[in-house]
Amino acid sequence: GIDETAESSDAGSVHRDPTTGRLNGIVSGNHAQVAAAIPPLA
């Protein structure tokens, strides 16, 4: 659920391409949306 409107917070940061400003896929910290979306191993 992370799209181009996403913003960084103390709990997790999203990074952007310095030229285009688009999300480059790098996420830092304990990002709640990432933790919630990744399923546990079988």
PDB file of all heavy atoms in Angstrom:
ATOM      1  N   GLY A   1       0.809  -1.223   0.000  1.00  0.00           N
ATOM      2  CA  GLY A   1       0.000   0.000   0.000  1.00  0.00           C
ATOM      3  C   GLY A   1       0.836   1.264   0.000  1.00  0.00           C
ATOM      4  O   GLY A   1       0.385   2.315   0.463  1.00  0.00           O
ATOM      5  N   ILE A   2       2.057   1.158  -0.523  1.00  0.00           N
ATOM      6  CA  ILE A   2       2.947   2.322  -0.580  1.00  0.00           C
ATOM      7  C   ILE A   2       2.974   2.839  -2.009  1.00  0.00           C
ATOM      8  O   ILE A   2       3.430   2.152  -2.930  1.00  0.00           O
ATOM      9  CB  ILE A   2       4.371   1.951  -0.116  1.00  0.00           C
ATOM     10  CG1 ILE A   2       4.354   1.440   1.323  1.00  0.00           C
ATOM     11  CG2 ILE A   2       5.307   3.150  -0.244  1.00  0.00           C
ATOM     12  CD1 ILE A   2       5.700   0.928   1.818  1.00  0.00           C
ATOM     13  N   ASP A   3       2.445   4.048  -2.210  1.00  0.00           N
ATOM     14  CA  ASP A   3       2.431   4.634  -3.554  1.00  0.00           C
ATOM     15  C   ASP A   3       3.152   5.972  -3.536  1.00  0.00           C
ATOM     16  O   ASP A   3       3.772   6.349  -2.541  1.00  0.00           O
ATOM     17  CB  ASP A   3       1.002   4.762  -4.081  1.00  0.00           C
ATOM     18  CG  ASP A   3       0.116   5.625  -3.173  1.00  0.00           C
ATOM     19  OD1 ASP A   3       0.670   6.475  -2.423  1.00  0.00           O
ATOM     20  OD2 ASP A   3      -1.113   5.463  -3.221  1.00  0.00           O
ATOM     21  N   GLU A   4       3.073   6.706  -4.626  1.00  0.00           N
ATOM     22  CA  GLU A   4       3.842   7.943  -4.759  1.00  0.00           C
ATOM     23  C   GLU A   4       3.406   9.027  -3.782  1.00  0.00           C
ATOM     24  O   GLU A   4       4.104  10.029  -3.605  1.00  0.00           O
ATOM     25  CB  GLU A   4       3.742   8.465  -6.195  1.00  0.00           C
ATOM     26  CG  GLU A   4       4.401   7.571  -7.238  1.00  0.00           C
ATOM     27  CD  GLU A   4       5.913   7.436  -7.039  1.00  0.00           C
ATOM     28  OE1 GLU A   4       6.506   8.298  -6.358  1.00  0.00           O
ATOM     29  OE2 GLU A   4       6.494   6.465  -7.569  1.00  0.00           O
ATOM     30  N   THR A   5       2.265   8.845  -3.115  1.00  0.00           N
ATOM     31  CA  THR A   5       1.827   9.833  -2.119  1.00  0.00           C
ATOM     32  C   THR A   5       2.403   9.539  -0.737  1.00  0.00           C
ATOM     33  O   THR A   5       2.191  10.316   0.196  1.00  0.00           O
ATOM     34  CB  THR A   5       0.292   9.848  -2.015  1.00  0.00           C
ATOM     35  OG1 THR A   5      -0.167   8.582  -1.488  1.00  0.00           O
ATOM     36  CG2 THR A   5      -0.341  10.083  -3.382  1.00  0.00           C
ATOM     37  N   ALA A   6       3.135   8.435  -0.605  1.00  0.00           N
ATOM     38  CA  ALA A   6       3.646   8.023   0.704  1.00  0.00           C
ATOM     39  C   ALA A   6       4.632   9.059   1.248  1.00  0.00           C
ATOM     40  O   ALA A   6       5.388   9.685   0.509  1.00  0.00           O
ATOM     41  CB  ALA A   6       4.319   6.661   0.601  1.00  0.00           C
ATOM     42  N   GLU A   7       4.612   9.208   2.570  1.00  0.00           N
ATOM     43  CA  GLU A   7       5.525  10.125   3.243  1.00  0.00           C
ATOM     44  C   GLU A   7       6.299   9.372   4.311  1.00  0.00           C
ATOM     45  O   GLU A   7       5.840   8.353   4.845  1.00  0.00           O
ATOM     46  CB  GLU A   7       4.760  11.293   3.879  1.00  0.00           C
ATOM     47  CG  GLU A   7       4.035  12.163   2.866  1.00  0.00           C
ATOM     48  CD  GLU A   7       3.330  13.335   3.528  1.00  0.00           C
ATOM     49  OE1 GLU A   7       3.357  13.411   4.780  1.00  0.00           O
ATOM     50  OE2 GLU A   7       2.751  14.162   2.800  1.00  0.00           O
ATOM     51  N   SER A   8       7.456   9.886   4.651  1.00  0.00           N
ATOM     52  CA  SER A   8       8.279   9.282   5.699  1.00  0.00           C
ATOM     53  C   SER A   8       7.761   9.689   7.069  1.00  0.00           C
ATOM     54  O   SER A   8       7.099  10.713   7.231  1.00  0.00           O
ATOM     55  CB  SER A   8       9.734   9.722   5.550  1.00  0.00           C
ATOM     56  OG  SER A   8      10.277   9.265   4.327  1.00  0.00           O
ATOM     57  N   SER A   9       8.059   8.847   8.057  1.00  0.00           N
ATOM     58  CA  SER A   9       7.720   9.152   9.447  1.00  0.00           C
ATOM     59  C   SER A   9       8.852   8.645  10.315  1.00  0.00           C
ATOM     60  O   SER A   9       9.794   7.995   9.846  1.00  0.00           O
ATOM     61  CB  SER A   9       6.400   8.485   9.837  1.00  0.00           C
ATOM     62  OG  SER A   9       6.563   7.085   9.887  1.00  0.00           O
ATOM     63  N   ASP A  10       8.768   8.906  11.624  1.00  0.00           N
ATOM     64  CA  ASP A  10       9.796   8.425  12.542  1.00  0.00           C
ATOM     65  C   ASP A  10       9.873   6.903  12.538  1.00  0.00           C
ATOM     66  O   ASP A  10      10.927   6.327  12.800  1.00  0.00           O
ATOM     67  CB  ASP A  10       9.513   8.924  13.963  1.00  0.00           C
ATOM     68  CG  ASP A  10       9.754  10.420  14.100  1.00  0.00           C
ATOM     69  OD1 ASP A  10      10.480  10.972  13.252  1.00  0.00           O
ATOM     70  OD2 ASP A  10       9.210  11.022  15.045  1.00  0.00           O
ATOM     71  N   ALA A  11       8.747   6.252  12.255  1.00  0.00           N
ATOM     72  CA  ALA A  11       8.712   4.789  12.307  1.00  0.00           C
ATOM     73  C   ALA A  11       9.180   4.140  11.004  1.00  0.00           C
ATOM     74  O   ALA A  11       9.355   2.932  10.957  1.00  0.00           O
ATOM     75  CB  ALA A  11       7.304   4.310  12.637  1.00  0.00           C
ATOM     76  N   GLY A  12       9.378   4.906   9.965  1.00  0.00           N
ATOM     77  CA  GLY A  12       9.813   4.325   8.701  1.00  0.00           C
ATOM     78  C   GLY A  12       9.911   5.382   7.619  1.00  0.00           C
ATOM     79  O   GLY A  12       9.045   6.252   7.517  1.00  0.00           O
ATOM     80  N   SER A  13      10.968   5.306   6.836  1.00  0.00           N
ATOM     81  CA  SER A  13      11.192   6.305   5.791  1.00  0.00           C
ATOM     82  C   SER A  13      11.134   5.663   4.415  1.00  0.00           C
ATOM     83  O   SER A  13      11.601   4.533   4.225  1.00  0.00           O
ATOM     84  CB  SER A  13      12.568   6.965   5.975  1.00  0.00           C
ATOM     85  OG  SER A  13      12.671   7.568   7.248  1.00  0.00           O
ATOM     86  N   VAL A  14      10.570   6.394   3.463  1.00  0.00           N
ATOM     87  CA  VAL A  14      10.591   5.967   2.074  1.00  0.00           C
ATOM     88  C   VAL A  14      11.561   6.877   1.329  1.00  0.00           C
ATOM     89  O   VAL A  14      11.675   8.068   1.624  1.00  0.00           O
ATOM     90  CB  VAL A  14       9.181   6.016   1.440  1.00  0.00           C
ATOM     91  CG1 VAL A  14       8.276   4.986   2.083  1.00  0.00           C
ATOM     92  CG2 VAL A  14       8.573   7.408   1.551  1.00  0.00           C
ATOM     93  N   HIS A  15      12.284   6.301   0.370  1.00  0.00           N
ATOM     94  CA  HIS A  15      13.303   7.059  -0.358  1.00  0.00           C
ATOM     95  C   HIS A  15      12.865   7.271  -1.804  1.00  0.00           C
ATOM     96  O   HIS A  15      12.104   6.466  -2.350  1.00  0.00           O
ATOM     97  CB  HIS A  15      14.632   6.317  -0.308  1.00  0.00           C
ATOM     98  CG  HIS A  15      15.171   6.143   1.082  1.00  0.00           C
ATOM     99  ND1 HIS A  15      16.254   6.842   1.561  1.00  0.00           N
ATOM    100  CD2 HIS A  15      14.763   5.356   2.112  1.00  0.00           C
ATOM    101  CE1 HIS A  15      16.503   6.502   2.813  1.00  0.00           C
ATOM    102  NE2 HIS A  15      15.603   5.583   3.167  1.00  0.00           N
ATOM    103  N   ARG A  16      13.389   8.320  -2.399  1.00  0.00           N
ATOM    104  CA  ARG A  16      12.997   8.687  -3.757  1.00  0.00           C
ATOM    105  C   ARG A  16      14.228   8.877  -4.639  1.00  0.00           C
ATOM    106  O   ARG A  16      15.320   9.199  -4.165  1.00  0.00           O
ATOM    107  CB  ARG A  16      12.148   9.963  -3.742  1.00  0.00           C
ATOM    108  CG  ARG A  16      10.838   9.796  -2.994  1.00  0.00           C
ATOM    109  CD  ARG A  16      10.004  11.075  -2.962  1.00  0.00           C
ATOM    110  NE  ARG A  16       8.763  10.861  -2.211  1.00  0.00           N
ATOM    111  CZ  ARG A  16       7.649  10.374  -2.728  1.00  0.00           C
ATOM    112  NH1 ARG A  16       7.623  10.055  -4.029  1.00  0.00           N
ATOM    113  NH2 ARG A  16       6.577  10.191  -1.988  1.00  0.00           N
ATOM    114  N   ASP A  17      14.032   8.681  -5.920  1.00  0.00           N
ATOM    115  CA  ASP A  17      15.089   8.924  -6.881  1.00  0.00           C
ATOM    116  C   ASP A  17      15.395  10.420  -6.890  1.00  0.00           C
ATOM    117  O   ASP A  17      14.481  11.245  -7.016  1.00  0.00           O
ATOM    118  CB  ASP A  17      14.642   8.466  -8.275  1.00  0.00           C
ATOM    119  CG  ASP A  17      15.728   8.649  -9.305  1.00  0.00           C
ATOM    120  OD1 ASP A  17      15.826   9.766  -9.857  1.00  0.00           O
ATOM    121  OD2 ASP A  17      16.479   7.681  -9.561  1.00  0.00           O
ATOM    122  N   PRO A  18      16.669  10.794  -6.743  1.00  0.00           N
ATOM    123  CA  PRO A  18      16.989  12.229  -6.647  1.00  0.00           C
ATOM    124  C   PRO A  18      16.689  13.012  -7.912  1.00  0.00           C
ATOM    125  O   PRO A  18      16.533  14.242  -7.855  1.00  0.00           O
ATOM    126  CB  PRO A  18      18.498  12.227  -6.332  1.00  0.00           C
ATOM    127  CG  PRO A  18      18.991  10.899  -6.803  1.00  0.00           C
ATOM    128  CD  PRO A  18      17.861   9.950  -6.619  1.00  0.00           C
ATOM    129  N   THR A  19      16.596  12.338  -9.054  1.00  0.00           N
ATOM    130  CA  THR A  19      16.341  13.036 -10.319  1.00  0.00           C
ATOM    131  C   THR A  19      14.850  13.161 -10.612  1.00  0.00           C
ATOM    132  O   THR A  19      14.350  14.247 -10.912  1.00  0.00           O
ATOM    133  CB  THR A  19      17.035  12.307 -11.484  1.00  0.00           C
ATOM    134  OG1 THR A  19      18.439  12.235 -11.216  1.00  0.00           O
ATOM    135  CG2 THR A  19      16.802  13.045 -12.792  1.00  0.00           C
ATOM    136  N   THR A  20      14.144  12.040 -10.506  1.00  0.00           N
ATOM    137  CA  THR A  20      12.726  12.033 -10.881  1.00  0.00           C
ATOM    138  C   THR A  20      11.799  12.294  -9.706  1.00  0.00           C
ATOM    139  O   THR A  20      10.636  12.667  -9.906  1.00  0.00           O
ATOM    140  CB  THR A  20      12.355  10.677 -11.501  1.00  0.00           C
ATOM    141  OG1 THR A  20      12.458   9.654 -10.494  1.00  0.00           O
ATOM    142  CG2 THR A  20      13.284  10.345 -12.656  1.00  0.00           C
ATOM    143  N   GLY A  21      12.274  12.059  -8.495  1.00  0.00           N
ATOM    144  CA  GLY A  21      11.420  12.218  -7.322  1.00  0.00           C
ATOM    145  C   GLY A  21      10.487  11.050  -7.073  1.00  0.00           C
ATOM    146  O   GLY A  21       9.684  11.072  -6.133  1.00  0.00           O
ATOM    147  N   ARG A  22      10.572  10.021  -7.906  1.00  0.00           N
ATOM    148  CA  ARG A  22       9.703   8.849  -7.720  1.00  0.00           C
ATOM    149  C   ARG A  22      10.274   7.925  -6.650  1.00  0.00           C
ATOM    150  O   ARG A  22      11.484   7.893  -6.395  1.00  0.00           O
ATOM    151  CB  ARG A  22       9.565   8.100  -9.047  1.00  0.00           C
ATOM    152  CG  ARG A  22       8.871   8.894 -10.158  1.00  0.00           C
ATOM    153  CD  ARG A  22       8.708   8.020 -11.386  1.00  0.00           C
ATOM    154  NE  ARG A  22       7.826   6.895 -11.129  1.00  0.00           N
ATOM    155  CZ  ARG A  22       7.746   5.807 -11.884  1.00  0.00           C
ATOM    156  NH1 ARG A  22       8.529   5.688 -12.954  1.00  0.00           N
ATOM    157  NH2 ARG A  22       6.914   4.830 -11.581  1.00  0.00           N
ATOM    158  N   LEU A  23       9.398   7.148  -6.027  1.00  0.00           N
ATOM    159  CA  LEU A  23       9.850   6.168  -5.040  1.00  0.00           C
ATOM    160  C   LEU A  23      10.822   5.196  -5.704  1.00  0.00           C
ATOM    161  O   LEU A  23      10.526   4.628  -6.757  1.00  0.00           O
ATOM    162  CB  LEU A  23       8.659   5.380  -4.483  1.00  0.00           C
ATOM    163  CG  LEU A  23       7.651   6.143  -3.629  1.00  0.00           C
ATOM    164  CD1 LEU A  23       6.510   5.208  -3.227  1.00  0.00           C
ATOM    165  CD2 LEU A  23       8.296   6.727  -2.390  1.00  0.00           C
ATOM    166  N   ASN A  24      11.988   4.996  -5.070  1.00  0.00           N
ATOM    167  CA  ASN A  24      12.966   4.073  -5.659  1.00  0.00           C
ATOM    168  C   ASN A  24      12.924   2.681  -5.036  1.00  0.00           C
ATOM    169  O   ASN A  24      13.720   1.813  -5.378  1.00  0.00           O
ATOM    170  CB  ASN A  24      14.379   4.657  -5.554  1.00  0.00           C
ATOM    171  CG  ASN A  24      14.834   4.862  -4.109  1.00  0.00           C
ATOM    172  OD1 ASN A  24      14.188   4.389  -3.169  1.00  0.00           O
ATOM    173  ND2 ASN A  24      15.940   5.570  -3.936  1.00  0.00           N
ATOM    174  N   GLY A  25      11.983   2.470  -4.096  1.00  0.00           N
ATOM    175  CA  GLY A  25      11.793   1.157  -3.493  1.00  0.00           C
ATOM    176  C   GLY A  25      12.527   0.940  -2.190  1.00  0.00           C
ATOM    177  O   GLY A  25      12.285  -0.048  -1.488  1.00  0.00           O
ATOM    178  N   ILE A  26      13.427   1.844  -1.804  1.00  0.00           N
ATOM    179  CA  ILE A  26      14.180   1.684  -0.563  1.00  0.00           C
ATOM    180  C   ILE A  26      13.352   2.224   0.601  1.00  0.00           C
ATOM    181  O   ILE A  26      12.835   3.347   0.552  1.00  0.00           O
ATOM    182  CB  ILE A  26      15.535   2.404  -0.640  1.00  0.00           C
ATOM    183  CG1 ILE A  26      16.375   1.825  -1.781  1.00  0.00           C
ATOM    184  CG2 ILE A  26      16.283   2.295   0.686  1.00  0.00           C
ATOM    185  CD1 ILE A  26      17.669   2.575  -2.036  1.00  0.00           C
ATOM    186  N   VAL A  27      13.224   1.395   1.627  1.00  0.00           N
ATOM    187  CA  VAL A  27      12.458   1.750   2.819  1.00  0.00           C
ATOM    188  C   VAL A  27      13.369   1.544   4.029  1.00  0.00           C
ATOM    189  O   VAL A  27      14.054   0.524   4.131  1.00  0.00           O
ATOM    190  CB  VAL A  27      11.189   0.883   2.946  1.00  0.00           C
ATOM    191  CG1 VAL A  27      10.423   1.238   4.203  1.00  0.00           C
ATOM    192  CG2 VAL A  27      10.300   1.045   1.709  1.00  0.00           C
ATOM    193  N   SER A  28      13.375   2.506   4.932  1.00  0.00           N
ATOM    194  CA  SER A  28      14.230   2.437   6.120  1.00  0.00           C
ATOM    195  C   SER A  28      13.386   2.399   7.386  1.00  0.00           C
ATOM    196  O   SER A  28      12.278   2.930   7.430  1.00  0.00           O
ATOM    197  CB  SER A  28      15.172   3.647   6.180  1.00  0.00           C
ATOM    198  OG  SER A  28      15.964   3.731   5.020  1.00  0.00           O
ATOM    199  N   GLY A  29      13.949   1.770   8.414  1.00  0.00           N
ATOM    200  CA  GLY A  29      13.281   1.738   9.713  1.00  0.00           C
ATOM    201  C   GLY A  29      12.211   0.668   9.800  1.00  0.00           C
ATOM    202  O   GLY A  29      12.058  -0.190   8.924  1.00  0.00           O
ATOM    203  N   ASN A  30      11.437   0.741  10.885  1.00  0.00           N
ATOM    204  CA  ASN A  30      10.370  -0.246  11.126  1.00  0.00           C
ATOM    205  C   ASN A  30       9.068   0.245  10.489  1.00  0.00           C
ATOM    206  O   ASN A  30       8.184   0.765  11.166  1.00  0.00           O
ATOM    207  CB  ASN A  30      10.173  -0.456  12.634  1.00  0.00           C
ATOM    208  CG  ASN A  30      11.419  -0.996  13.294  1.00  0.00           C
ATOM    209  OD1 ASN A  30      12.058  -1.890  12.761  1.00  0.00           O
ATOM    210  ND2 ASN A  30      11.765  -0.457  14.455  1.00  0.00           N
ATOM    211  N   HIS A  31       8.970   0.109   9.192  1.00  0.00           N
ATOM    212  CA  HIS A  31       7.814   0.617   8.467  1.00  0.00           C
ATOM    213  C   HIS A  31       6.631  -0.319   8.685  1.00  0.00           C
ATOM    214  O   HIS A  31       6.656  -1.486   8.294  1.00  0.00           O
ATOM    215  CB  HIS A  31       8.135   0.742   6.977  1.00  0.00           C
ATOM    216  CG  HIS A  31       7.219   1.666   6.244  1.00  0.00           C
ATOM    217  ND1 HIS A  31       5.906   1.340   5.967  1.00  0.00           N
ATOM    218  CD2 HIS A  31       7.409   2.924   5.757  1.00  0.00           C
ATOM    219  CE1 HIS A  31       5.338   2.339   5.320  1.00  0.00           C
ATOM    220  NE2 HIS A  31       6.225   3.313   5.181  1.00  0.00           N
ATOM    221  N   ALA A  32       5.576   0.201   9.299  1.00  0.00           N
ATOM    222  CA  ALA A  32       4.441  -0.633   9.705  1.00  0.00           C
ATOM    223  C   ALA A  32       3.753  -1.293   8.513  1.00  0.00           C
ATOM    224  O   ALA A  32       3.324  -2.456   8.599  1.00  0.00           O
ATOM    225  CB  ALA A  32       3.438   0.208  10.491  1.00  0.00           C
ATOM    226  N   GLN A  33       3.629  -0.576   7.404  1.00  0.00           N
ATOM    227  CA  GLN A  33       2.930  -1.151   6.247  1.00  0.00           C
ATOM    228  C   GLN A  33       3.707  -2.319   5.648  1.00  0.00           C
ATOM    229  O   GLN A  33       3.114  -3.305   5.207  1.00  0.00           O
ATOM    230  CB  GLN A  33       2.708  -0.072   5.189  1.00  0.00           C
ATOM    231  CG  GLN A  33       1.633   0.951   5.554  1.00  0.00           C
ATOM    232  CD  GLN A  33       1.595   2.097   4.564  1.00  0.00           C
ATOM    233  OE1 GLN A  33       2.136   3.167   4.821  1.00  0.00           O
ATOM    234  NE2 GLN A  33       0.962   1.884   3.421  1.00  0.00           N
ATOM    235  N   VAL A  34       5.030  -2.220   5.651  1.00  0.00           N
ATOM    236  CA  VAL A  34       5.842  -3.314   5.139  1.00  0.00           C
ATOM    237  C   VAL A  34       5.722  -4.524   6.054  1.00  0.00           C
ATOM    238  O   VAL A  34       5.513  -5.662   5.612  1.00  0.00           O
ATOM    239  CB  VAL A  34       7.317  -2.880   5.001  1.00  0.00           C
ATOM    240  CG1 VAL A  34       8.184  -4.054   4.574  1.00  0.00           C
ATOM    241  CG2 VAL A  34       7.442  -1.732   3.995  1.00  0.00           C
ATOM    242  N   ALA A  35       5.842  -4.286   7.360  1.00  0.00           N
ATOM    243  CA  ALA A  35       5.757  -5.390   8.320  1.00  0.00           C
ATOM    244  C   ALA A  35       4.415  -6.100   8.243  1.00  0.00           C
ATOM    245  O   ALA A  35       4.330  -7.332   8.373  1.00  0.00           O
ATOM    246  CB  ALA A  35       5.996  -4.863   9.731  1.00  0.00           C
ATOM    247  N   ALA A  36       3.339  -5.335   8.013  1.00  0.00           N
ATOM    248  CA  ALA A  36       2.003  -5.926   7.983  1.00  0.00           C
ATOM    249  C   ALA A  36       1.734  -6.693   6.694  1.00  0.00           C
ATOM    250  O   ALA A  36       0.952  -7.654   6.687  1.00  0.00           O
ATOM    251  CB  ALA A  36       0.950  -4.835   8.173  1.00  0.00           C
ATOM    252  N   ALA A  37       2.356  -6.290   5.598  1.00  0.00           N
ATOM    253  CA  ALA A  37       2.019  -6.873   4.299  1.00  0.00           C
ATOM    254  C   ALA A  37       2.794  -8.140   3.980  1.00  0.00           C
ATOM    255  O   ALA A  37       2.312  -8.993   3.222  1.00  0.00           O
ATOM    256  CB  ALA A  37       2.251  -5.838   3.205  1.00  0.00           C
ATOM    257  N   ILE A  38       3.991  -8.282   4.511  1.00  0.00           N
ATOM    258  CA  ILE A  38       4.810  -9.440   4.154  1.00  0.00           C
ATOM    259  C   ILE A  38       4.307 -10.661   4.921  1.00  0.00           C
ATOM    260  O   ILE A  38       4.304 -10.671   6.153  1.00  0.00           O
ATOM    261  CB  ILE A  38       6.293  -9.183   4.457  1.00  0.00           C
ATOM    262  CG1 ILE A  38       6.795  -7.993   3.637  1.00  0.00           C
ATOM    263  CG2 ILE A  38       7.130 -10.421   4.156  1.00  0.00           C
ATOM    264  CD1 ILE A  38       8.214  -7.611   3.926  1.00  0.00           C
ATOM    265  N   PRO A  39       3.883 -11.695   4.225  1.00  0.00           N
ATOM    266  CA  PRO A  39       3.331 -12.863   4.915  1.00  0.00           C
ATOM    267  C   PRO A  39       4.432 -13.667   5.596  1.00  0.00           C
ATOM    268  O   PRO A  39       5.587 -13.660   5.160  1.00  0.00           O
ATOM    269  CB  PRO A  39       2.695 -13.667   3.771  1.00  0.00           C
ATOM    270  CG  PRO A  39       3.508 -13.299   2.569  1.00  0.00           C
ATOM    271  CD  PRO A  39       3.888 -11.856   2.761  1.00  0.00           C
ATOM    272  N   PRO A  40       4.095 -14.350   6.686  1.00  0.00           N
ATOM    273  CA  PRO A  40       5.092 -15.219   7.319  1.00  0.00           C
ATOM    274  C   PRO A  40       5.411 -16.406   6.417  1.00  0.00           C
ATOM    275  O   PRO A  40       4.634 -16.755   5.518  1.00  0.00           O
ATOM    276  CB  PRO A  40       4.401 -15.668   8.610  1.00  0.00           C
ATOM    277  CG  PRO A  40       2.934 -15.583   8.302  1.00  0.00           C
ATOM    278  CD  PRO A  40       2.789 -14.400   7.375  1.00  0.00           C
ATOM    279  N   LEU A  41       6.554 -17.004   6.662  1.00  0.00           N
ATOM    280  CA  LEU A  41       6.893 -18.219   5.926  1.00  0.00           C
ATOM    281  C   LEU A  41       5.906 -19.327   6.273  1.00  0.00           C
ATOM    282  O   LEU A  41       5.361 -19.370   7.378  1.00  0.00           O
ATOM    283  CB  LEU A  41       8.308 -18.674   6.275  1.00  0.00           C
ATOM    284  CG  LEU A  41       9.465 -17.776   5.804  1.00  0.00           C
ATOM    285  CD1 LEU A  41      10.781 -18.314   6.347  1.00  0.00           C
ATOM    286  CD2 LEU A  41       9.513 -17.684   4.295  1.00  0.00           C
ATOM    287  N   ALA A  42       5.686 -20.217   5.350  1.00  0.00           N
ATOM    288  CA  ALA A  42       4.831 -21.371   5.606  1.00  0.00           C
ATOM    289  C   ALA A  42       5.479 -22.259   6.668  1.00  0.00           C
ATOM    290  O   ALA A  42       6.696 -22.218   6.884  1.00  0.00           O
ATOM    291  CB  ALA A  42       4.621 -22.160   4.321  1.00  0.00           C
TER     292      ALA A  42
END
